[in-house]
PDB file of N, CA and C in Angstrom:
ATOM      1  N   MET A   1      52.554  28.778   1.626  1.00  0.00           N
ATOM      2  CA  MET A   1      51.137  29.073   1.602  1.00  0.00           C
ATOM      3  C   MET A   1      50.474  28.445   0.377  1.00  0.00           C
ATOM      4  N   LYS A   2      51.160  28.530  -0.779  1.00  0.00           N
ATOM      5  CA  LYS A   2      50.599  27.952  -1.983  1.00  0.00           C
ATOM      6  C   LYS A   2      50.483  26.438  -1.872  1.00  0.00           C
ATOM      7  N   ILE A   3      51.418  25.822  -1.179  1.00  0.00           N
ATOM      8  CA  ILE A   3      51.389  24.361  -0.996  1.00  0.00           C
ATOM      9  C   ILE A   3      50.185  23.977  -0.141  1.00  0.00           C
ATOM     10  N   VAL A   4      49.971  24.702   0.917  1.00  0.00           N
ATOM     11  CA  VAL A   4      48.823  24.457   1.791  1.00  0.00           C
ATOM     12  C   VAL A   4      47.525  24.658   1.008  1.00  0.00           C
ATOM     13  N   LEU A   5      47.497  25.688   0.197  1.00  0.00           N
ATOM     14  CA  LEU A   5      46.317  25.969  -0.617  1.00  0.00           C
ATOM     15  C   LEU A   5      46.065  24.846  -1.616  1.00  0.00           C
ATOM     16  N   LYS A   6      47.123  24.326  -2.234  1.00  0.00           N
ATOM     17  CA  LYS A   6      46.962  23.206  -3.172  1.00  0.00           C
ATOM     18  C   LYS A   6      46.427  21.977  -2.452  1.00  0.00           C
ATOM     19  N   GLU A   7      46.954  21.702  -1.261  1.00  0.00           N
ATOM     20  CA  GLU A   7      46.496  20.547  -0.480  1.00  0.00           C
ATOM     21  C   GLU A   7      45.024  20.699  -0.101  1.00  0.00           C
ATOM     22  N   GLU A   8      44.665  21.891   0.301  1.00  0.00           N
ATOM     23  CA  GLU A   8      43.269  22.145   0.678  1.00  0.00           C
ATOM     24  C   GLU A   8      42.345  22.028  -0.536  1.00  0.00           C
ATOM     25  N   ASN A   9      42.805  22.509  -1.694  1.00  0.00           N
ATOM     26  CA  ASN A   9      42.014  22.377  -2.917  1.00  0.00           C
ATOM     27  C   ASN A   9      41.835  20.911  -3.302  1.00  0.00           C
ATOM     28  N   ALA A  10      42.901  20.124  -3.113  1.00  0.00           N
ATOM     29  CA  ALA A  10      42.814  18.695  -3.413  1.00  0.00           C
ATOM     30  C   ALA A  10      41.796  18.028  -2.485  1.00  0.00           C
ATOM     31  N   LYS A  11      41.832  18.391  -1.210  1.00  0.00           N
ATOM     32  CA  LYS A  11      40.855  17.853  -0.253  1.00  0.00           C
ATOM     33  C   LYS A  11      39.444  18.286  -0.627  1.00  0.00           C
ATOM     34  N   LEU A  12      39.318  19.527  -1.017  1.00  0.00           N
ATOM     35  CA  LEU A  12      38.014  20.052  -1.410  1.00  0.00           C
ATOM     36  C   LEU A  12      37.492  19.330  -2.649  1.00  0.00           C
ATOM     37  N   ASP A  13      38.365  19.107  -3.622  1.00  0.00           N
ATOM     38  CA  ASP A  13      37.957  18.389  -4.833  1.00  0.00           C
ATOM     39  C   ASP A  13      37.516  16.960  -4.504  1.00  0.00           C
ATOM     40  N   ALA A  14      38.261  16.305  -3.622  1.00  0.00           N
ATOM     41  CA  ALA A  14      37.915  14.940  -3.228  1.00  0.00           C
ATOM     42  C   ALA A  14      36.564  14.926  -2.500  1.00  0.00           C
ATOM     43  N   ALA A  15      36.371  15.882  -1.626  1.00  0.00           N
ATOM     44  CA  ALA A  15      35.108  15.959  -0.886  1.00  0.00           C
ATOM     45  C   ALA A  15      33.954  16.274  -1.829  1.00  0.00           C
ATOM     46  N   THR A  16      34.203  17.153  -2.795  1.00  0.00           N
ATOM     47  CA  THR A  16      33.166  17.496  -3.773  1.00  0.00           C
ATOM     48  C   THR A  16      32.798  16.281  -4.605  1.00  0.00           C
ATOM     49  N   GLU A  17      33.801  15.521  -5.022  1.00  0.00           N
ATOM     50  CA  GLU A  17      33.557  14.311  -5.814  1.00  0.00           C
ATOM     51  C   GLU A  17      32.766  13.286  -5.003  1.00  0.00           C
ATOM     52  N   ALA A  18      33.140  13.095  -3.753  1.00  0.00           N
ATOM     53  CA  ALA A  18      32.433  12.148  -2.890  1.00  0.00           C
ATOM     54  C   ALA A  18      30.993  12.599  -2.671  1.00  0.00           C
ATOM     55  N   THR A  19      30.812  13.891  -2.493  1.00  0.00           N
ATOM     56  CA  THR A  19      29.466  14.427  -2.286  1.00  0.00           C
ATOM     57  C   THR A  19      28.616  14.254  -3.532  1.00  0.00           C
ATOM     58  N   ASN A  20      29.205  14.529  -4.694  1.00  0.00           N
ATOM     59  CA  ASN A  20      28.457  14.352  -5.945  1.00  0.00           C
ATOM     60  C   ASN A  20      28.081  12.892  -6.172  1.00  0.00           C
ATOM     61  N   LYS A  21      28.992  11.994  -5.845  1.00  0.00           N
ATOM     62  CA  LYS A  21      28.709  10.556  -5.977  1.00  0.00           C
ATOM     63  C   LYS A  21      27.565  10.165  -5.043  1.00  0.00           C
ATOM     64  N   LEU A  22      27.619  10.648  -3.813  1.00  0.00           N
ATOM     65  CA  LEU A  22      26.568  10.351  -2.839  1.00  0.00           C
ATOM     66  C   LEU A  22      25.221  10.918  -3.293  1.00  0.00           C
ATOM     67  N   LEU A  23      25.241  12.129  -3.821  1.00  0.00           N
ATOM     68  CA  LEU A  23      24.005  12.748  -4.314  1.00  0.00           C
ATOM     69  C   LEU A  23      23.420  11.956  -5.481  1.00  0.00           C
ATOM     70  N   LYS A  24      24.278  11.453  -6.346  1.00  0.00           N
ATOM     71  CA  LYS A  24      23.817  10.642  -7.473  1.00  0.00           C
ATOM     72  C   LYS A  24      23.168   9.352  -6.967  1.00  0.00           C
ATOM     73  N   GLU A  25      23.814   8.706  -6.003  1.00  0.00           N
ATOM     74  CA  GLU A  25      23.250   7.478  -5.422  1.00  0.00           C
ATOM     75  C   GLU A  25      21.900   7.766  -4.762  1.00  0.00           C
ATOM     76  N   LEU A  26      21.826   8.858  -4.032  1.00  0.00           N
ATOM     77  CA  LEU A  26      20.570   9.216  -3.372  1.00  0.00           C
ATOM     78  C   LEU A  26      19.474   9.505  -4.392  1.00  0.00           C
ATOM     79  N   ASP A  27      19.838  10.153  -5.473  1.00  0.00           N
ATOM     80  CA  ASP A  27      18.865  10.451  -6.526  1.00  0.00           C
ATOM     81  C   ASP A  27      18.328   9.154  -7.136  1.00  0.00           C
ATOM     82  N   GLU A  28      19.219   8.198  -7.383  1.00  0.00           N
ATOM     83  CA  GLU A  28      18.784   6.909  -7.935  1.00  0.00           C
ATOM     84  C   GLU A  28      17.867   6.182  -6.956  1.00  0.00           C
ATOM     85  N   LYS A  29      18.215   6.214  -5.683  1.00  0.00           N
ATOM     86  CA  LYS A  29      17.386   5.553  -4.671  1.00  0.00           C
ATOM     87  C   LYS A  29      16.032   6.252  -4.543  1.00  0.00           C
ATOM     88  N   ASN A  30      16.020   7.570  -4.653  1.00  0.00           N
ATOM     89  CA  ASN A  30      14.751   8.302  -4.603  1.00  0.00           C
ATOM     90  C   ASN A  30      13.867   7.948  -5.784  1.00  0.00           C
ATOM     91  N   LYS A  31      14.462   7.792  -6.962  1.00  0.00           N
ATOM     92  CA  LYS A  31      13.689   7.399  -8.135  1.00  0.00           C
ATOM     93  C   LYS A  31      13.076   6.016  -7.931  1.00  0.00           C
ATOM     94  N   LYS A  32      13.876   5.081  -7.396  1.00  0.00           N
ATOM     95  CA  LYS A  32      13.365   3.736  -7.117  1.00  0.00           C
ATOM     96  C   LYS A  32      12.245   3.795  -6.073  1.00  0.00           C
ATOM     97  N   ALA A  33      12.439   4.628  -5.073  1.00  0.00           N
ATOM     98  CA  ALA A  33      11.418   4.768  -4.027  1.00  0.00           C
ATOM     99  C   ALA A  33      10.135   5.355  -4.605  1.00  0.00           C
ATOM    100  N   ASP A  34      10.255   6.303  -5.514  1.00  0.00           N
ATOM    101  CA  ASP A  34       9.077   6.889  -6.154  1.00  0.00           C
ATOM    102  C   ASP A  34       8.325   5.846  -6.974  1.00  0.00           C
ATOM    103  N   ILE A  35       9.073   5.003  -7.680  1.00  0.00           N
ATOM    104  CA  ILE A  35       8.440   3.942  -8.467  1.00  0.00           C
ATOM    105  C   ILE A  35       7.695   2.987  -7.537  1.00  0.00           C
ATOM    106  N   LYS A  36       8.323   2.598  -6.449  1.00  0.00           N
ATOM    107  CA  LYS A  36       7.668   1.711  -5.475  1.00  0.00           C
ATOM    108  C   LYS A  36       6.436   2.372  -4.882  1.00  0.00           C
ATOM    109  N   ALA A  37       6.534   3.658  -4.589  1.00  0.00           N
ATOM    110  CA  ALA A  37       5.392   4.370  -4.015  1.00  0.00           C
ATOM    111  C   ALA A  37       4.221   4.371  -4.994  1.00  0.00           C
ATOM    112  N   GLU A  38       4.505   4.543  -6.273  1.00  0.00           N
ATOM    113  CA  GLU A  38       3.440   4.498  -7.274  1.00  0.00           C
ATOM    114  C   GLU A  38       2.802   3.110  -7.326  1.00  0.00           C
ATOM    115  N   GLU A  39       3.639   2.066  -7.248  1.00  0.00           N
ATOM    116  CA  GLU A  39       3.117   0.701  -7.239  1.00  0.00           C
ATOM    117  C   GLU A  39       2.231   0.478  -6.018  1.00  0.00           C
ATOM    118  N   VAL A  40       2.698   0.933  -4.873  1.00  0.00           N
ATOM    119  CA  VAL A  40       1.928   0.762  -3.639  1.00  0.00           C
ATOM    120  C   VAL A  40       0.607   1.517  -3.730  1.00  0.00           C
ATOM    121  N   ASN A  41       0.633   2.717  -4.288  1.00  0.00           N
ATOM    122  CA  ASN A  41      -0.602   3.481  -4.446  1.00  0.00           C
ATOM    123  C   ASN A  41      -1.582   2.754  -5.357  1.00  0.00           C
ATOM    124  N   GLY A  42      -1.061   2.144  -6.421  1.00  0.00           N
ATOM    125  CA  GLY A  42      -1.926   1.376  -7.318  1.00  0.00           C
ATOM    126  C   GLY A  42      -2.561   0.205  -6.602  1.00  0.00           C
ATOM    127  N   VAL A  43      -1.774  -0.510  -5.828  1.00  0.00           N
ATOM    128  CA  VAL A  43      -2.298  -1.657  -5.079  1.00  0.00           C
ATOM    129  C   VAL A  43      -3.304  -1.183  -4.035  1.00  0.00           C
ATOM    130  N   THR A  44      -2.992  -0.075  -3.385  1.00  0.00           N
ATOM    131  CA  THR A  44      -3.903   0.471  -2.376  1.00  0.00           C
ATOM    132  C   THR A  44      -5.250   0.837  -2.992  1.00  0.00           C
ATOM    133  N   GLU A  45      -5.211   1.489  -4.136  1.00  0.00           N
ATOM    134  CA  GLU A  45      -6.461   1.858  -4.813  1.00  0.00           C
ATOM    135  C   GLU A  45      -7.256   0.622  -5.211  1.00  0.00           C
ATOM    136  N   ALA A  46      -6.558  -0.401  -5.704  1.00  0.00           N
ATOM    137  CA  ALA A  46      -7.241  -1.641  -6.079  1.00  0.00           C
ATOM    138  C   ALA A  46      -7.869  -2.300  -4.854  1.00  0.00           C
ATOM    139  N   CYS A  47      -7.163  -2.290  -3.746  1.00  0.00           N
ATOM    140  CA  CYS A  47      -7.693  -2.880  -2.506  1.00  0.00           C
ATOM    141  C   CYS A  47      -8.909  -2.105  -2.005  1.00  0.00           C
ATOM    142  N   GLU A  48      -8.846  -0.792  -2.096  1.00  0.00           N
ATOM    143  CA  GLU A  48      -9.978   0.030  -1.670  1.00  0.00           C
ATOM    144  C   GLU A  48     -11.208  -0.257  -2.534  1.00  0.00           C
ATOM    145  N   ALA A  49     -10.995  -0.388  -3.836  1.00  0.00           N
ATOM    146  CA  ALA A  49     -12.114  -0.695  -4.734  1.00  0.00           C
ATOM    147  C   ALA A  49     -12.685  -2.065  -4.408  1.00  0.00           C
ATOM    148  N   GLN A  50     -11.803  -3.025  -4.146  1.00  0.00           N
ATOM    149  CA  GLN A  50     -12.250  -4.369  -3.803  1.00  0.00           C
ATOM    150  C   GLN A  50     -12.997  -4.360  -2.464  1.00  0.00           C
ATOM    151  N   ARG A  51     -12.500  -3.586  -1.511  1.00  0.00           N
ATOM    152  CA  ARG A  51     -13.166  -3.488  -0.212  1.00  0.00           C
ATOM    153  C   ARG A  51     -14.572  -2.917  -0.377  1.00  0.00           C
ATOM    154  N   SER A  52     -14.693  -1.906  -1.203  1.00  0.00           N
ATOM    155  CA  SER A  52     -16.013  -1.311  -1.444  1.00  0.00           C
ATOM    156  C   SER A  52     -16.961  -2.329  -2.056  1.00  0.00           C
ATOM    157  N   GLN A  53     -16.470  -3.095  -3.022  1.00  0.00           N
ATOM    158  CA  GLN A  53     -17.303  -4.118  -3.657  1.00  0.00           C
ATOM    159  C   GLN A  53     -17.705  -5.192  -2.647  1.00  0.00           C
ATOM    160  N   ILE A  54     -16.784  -5.582  -1.806  1.00  0.00           N
ATOM    161  CA  ILE A  54     -17.074  -6.597  -0.778  1.00  0.00           C
ATOM    162  C   ILE A  54     -18.130  -6.084   0.193  1.00  0.00           C
ATOM    163  N   GLU A  55     -18.039  -4.809   0.571  1.00  0.00           N
ATOM    164  CA  GLU A  55     -19.034  -4.240   1.482  1.00  0.00           C
ATOM    165  C   GLU A  55     -20.420  -4.248   0.844  1.00  0.00           C
ATOM    166  N   ILE A  56     -20.483  -3.927  -0.439  1.00  0.00           N
ATOM    167  CA  ILE A  56     -21.771  -3.951  -1.145  1.00  0.00           C
ATOM    168  C   ILE A  56     -22.332  -5.371  -1.157  1.00  0.00           C
ATOM    169  N   GLU A  57     -21.467  -6.344  -1.484  1.00  0.00           N
ATOM    170  CA  GLU A  57     -21.909  -7.742  -1.520  1.00  0.00           C
ATOM    171  C   GLU A  57     -22.320  -8.228  -0.136  1.00  0.00           C
ATOM    172  N   ARG A  58     -21.587  -7.801   0.906  1.00  0.00           N
ATOM    173  CA  ARG A  58     -21.924  -8.194   2.273  1.00  0.00           C
ATOM    174  C   ARG A  58     -23.296  -7.649   2.669  1.00  0.00           C
ATOM    175  N   ASP A  59     -23.541  -6.395   2.340  1.00  0.00           N
ATOM    176  CA  ASP A  59     -24.829  -5.790   2.668  1.00  0.00           C
ATOM    177  C   ASP A  59     -25.963  -6.516   1.950  1.00  0.00           C
ATOM    178  N   GLN A  60     -25.733  -6.857   0.685  1.00  0.00           N
ATOM    179  CA  GLN A  60     -26.750  -7.588  -0.072  1.00  0.00           C
ATOM    180  C   GLN A  60     -26.985  -8.965   0.537  1.00  0.00           C
ATOM    181  N   ALA A  61     -25.924  -9.649   0.915  1.00  0.00           N
ATOM    182  CA  ALA A  61     -26.059 -10.973   1.524  1.00  0.00           C
ATOM    183  C   ALA A  61     -26.806 -10.881   2.855  1.00  0.00           C
ATOM    184  N   ASN A  62     -26.532  -9.841   3.633  1.00  0.00           N
ATOM    185  CA  ASN A  62     -27.241  -9.674   4.900  1.00  0.00           C
ATOM    186  C   ASN A  62     -28.732  -9.410   4.680  1.00  0.00           C
ATOM    187  N   LYS A  63     -29.075  -8.639   3.652  1.00  0.00           N
ATOM    188  CA  LYS A  63     -30.488  -8.404   3.341  1.00  0.00           C
ATOM    189  C   LYS A  63     -31.177  -9.705   2.966  1.00  0.00           C
ATOM    190  N   GLU A  64     -30.496 -10.490   2.112  1.00  0.00           N
ATOM    191  CA  GLU A  64     -31.078 -11.767   1.701  1.00  0.00           C
ATOM    192  C   GLU A  64     -31.212 -12.713   2.889  1.00  0.00           C
ATOM    193  N   LEU A  65     -30.237 -12.689   3.776  1.00  0.00           N
ATOM    194  CA  LEU A  65     -30.301 -13.527   4.969  1.00  0.00           C
ATOM    195  C   LEU A  65     -31.487 -13.135   5.838  1.00  0.00           C
ATOM    196  N   GLN A  66     -31.674 -11.838   6.037  1.00  0.00           N
ATOM    197  CA  GLN A  66     -32.795 -11.371   6.848  1.00  0.00           C
ATOM    198  C   GLN A  66     -34.128 -11.767   6.232  1.00  0.00           C
ATOM    199  N   GLN A  67     -34.195 -11.777   4.907  1.00  0.00           N
ATOM    200  CA  GLN A  67     -35.422 -12.195   4.241  1.00  0.00           C
ATOM    201  C   GLN A  67     -35.644 -13.699   4.380  1.00  0.00           C
ATOM    202  N   ALA A  68     -34.569 -14.474   4.437  1.00  0.00           N
ATOM    203  CA  ALA A  68     -34.683 -15.929   4.490  1.00  0.00           C
ATOM    204  C   ALA A  68     -34.916 -16.452   5.907  1.00  0.00           C
ATOM    205  N   LEU A  69     -34.516 -15.716   6.917  1.00  0.00           N
ATOM    206  CA  LEU A  69     -34.619 -16.205   8.295  1.00  0.00           C
ATOM    207  C   LEU A  69     -36.048 -16.571   8.712  1.00  0.00           C
ATOM    208  N   PRO A  70     -37.061 -15.793   8.384  1.00  0.00           N
ATOM    209  CA  PRO A  70     -38.413 -16.206   8.784  1.00  0.00           C
ATOM    210  C   PRO A  70     -38.818 -17.560   8.186  1.00  0.00           C
ATOM    211  N   TYR A  71     -38.426 -17.814   6.958  1.00  0.00           N
ATOM    212  CA  TYR A  71     -38.742 -19.098   6.331  1.00  0.00           C
ATOM    213  C   TYR A  71     -37.986 -20.235   7.013  1.00  0.00           C
ATOM    214  N   LEU A  72     -36.753 -19.960   7.408  1.00  0.00           N
ATOM    215  CA  LEU A  72     -35.976 -20.964   8.123  1.00  0.00           C
ATOM    216  C   LEU A  72     -36.647 -21.301   9.451  1.00  0.00           C
ATOM    217  N   ARG A  73     -37.101 -20.291  10.156  1.00  0.00           N
ATOM    218  CA  ARG A  73     -37.749 -20.531  11.450  1.00  0.00           C
ATOM    219  C   ARG A  73     -39.052 -21.314  11.272  1.00  0.00           C
ATOM    220  N   LYS A  74     -39.813 -20.974  10.228  1.00  0.00           N
ATOM    221  CA  LYS A  74     -41.032 -21.723   9.957  1.00  0.00           C
ATOM    222  C   LYS A  74     -40.718 -23.180   9.642  1.00  0.00           C
ATOM    223  N   ALA A  75     -39.655 -23.400   8.890  1.00  0.00           N
ATOM    224  CA  ALA A  75     -39.260 -24.764   8.551  1.00  0.00           C
ATOM    225  C   ALA A  75     -38.811 -25.514   9.803  1.00  0.00           C
ATOM    226  N   GLU A  76     -38.071 -24.853  10.661  1.00  0.00           N
ATOM    227  CA  GLU A  76     -37.638 -25.485  11.904  1.00  0.00           C
ATOM    228  C   GLU A  76     -38.843 -25.846  12.754  1.00  0.00           C
ATOM    229  N   ASP A  77     -39.808 -24.948  12.867  1.00  0.00           N
ATOM    230  CA  ASP A  77     -41.025 -25.231  13.640  1.00  0.00           C
ATOM    231  C   ASP A  77     -41.790 -26.389  13.039  1.00  0.00           C
ATOM    232  N   ALA A  78     -41.846 -26.447  11.726  1.00  0.00           N
ATOM    233  CA  ALA A  78     -42.547 -27.542  11.061  1.00  0.00           C
ATOM    234  C   ALA A  78     -41.874 -28.877  11.353  1.00  0.00           C
ATOM    235  N   VAL A  79     -40.539 -28.870  11.340  1.00  0.00           N
ATOM    236  CA  VAL A  79     -39.811 -30.115  11.634  1.00  0.00           C
ATOM    237  C   VAL A  79     -40.060 -30.528  13.081  1.00  0.00           C
ATOM    238  N   LYS A  80     -40.104 -29.594  13.985  1.00  0.00           N
ATOM    239  CA  LYS A  80     -40.338 -29.899  15.395  1.00  0.00           C
ATOM    240  C   LYS A  80     -41.748 -30.461  15.616  1.00  0.00           C
ATOM    241  N   SER A  81     -42.698 -30.040  14.794  1.00  0.00           N
ATOM    242  CA  SER A  81     -44.067 -30.494  14.986  1.00  0.00           C
ATOM    243  C   SER A  81     -44.313 -31.915  14.450  1.00  0.00           C
ATOM    244  N   ILE A  82     -43.408 -32.432  13.653  1.00  0.00           N
ATOM    245  CA  ILE A  82     -43.558 -33.803  13.120  1.00  0.00           C
ATOM    246  C   ILE A  82     -43.211 -34.784  14.246  1.00  0.00           C
ATOM    247  N   LYS A  83     -44.147 -35.733  14.462  1.00  0.00           N
ATOM    248  CA  LYS A  83     -43.906 -36.748  15.483  1.00  0.00           C
ATOM    249  C   LYS A  83     -44.065 -38.132  14.916  1.00  0.00           C
TER     250      LYS A  83
END
């Protein structure tokens, strides 16, 4: 019985060691994943800020375009009237 118990304890110790090694590896990978997630969040925030700025610039450009279109049409009509 003691021999069986020693064998089982040896198996248990080996399994515990393997589990601890696996947990350590997983912890390291989780830390790396957390670092990457922070980087991605930073890039995402920068992209969102850039998108907002682009939308503001687009709206301004569209306003300026709408203001310029009547002058363009007048110029086109003037060119058409030249013979």
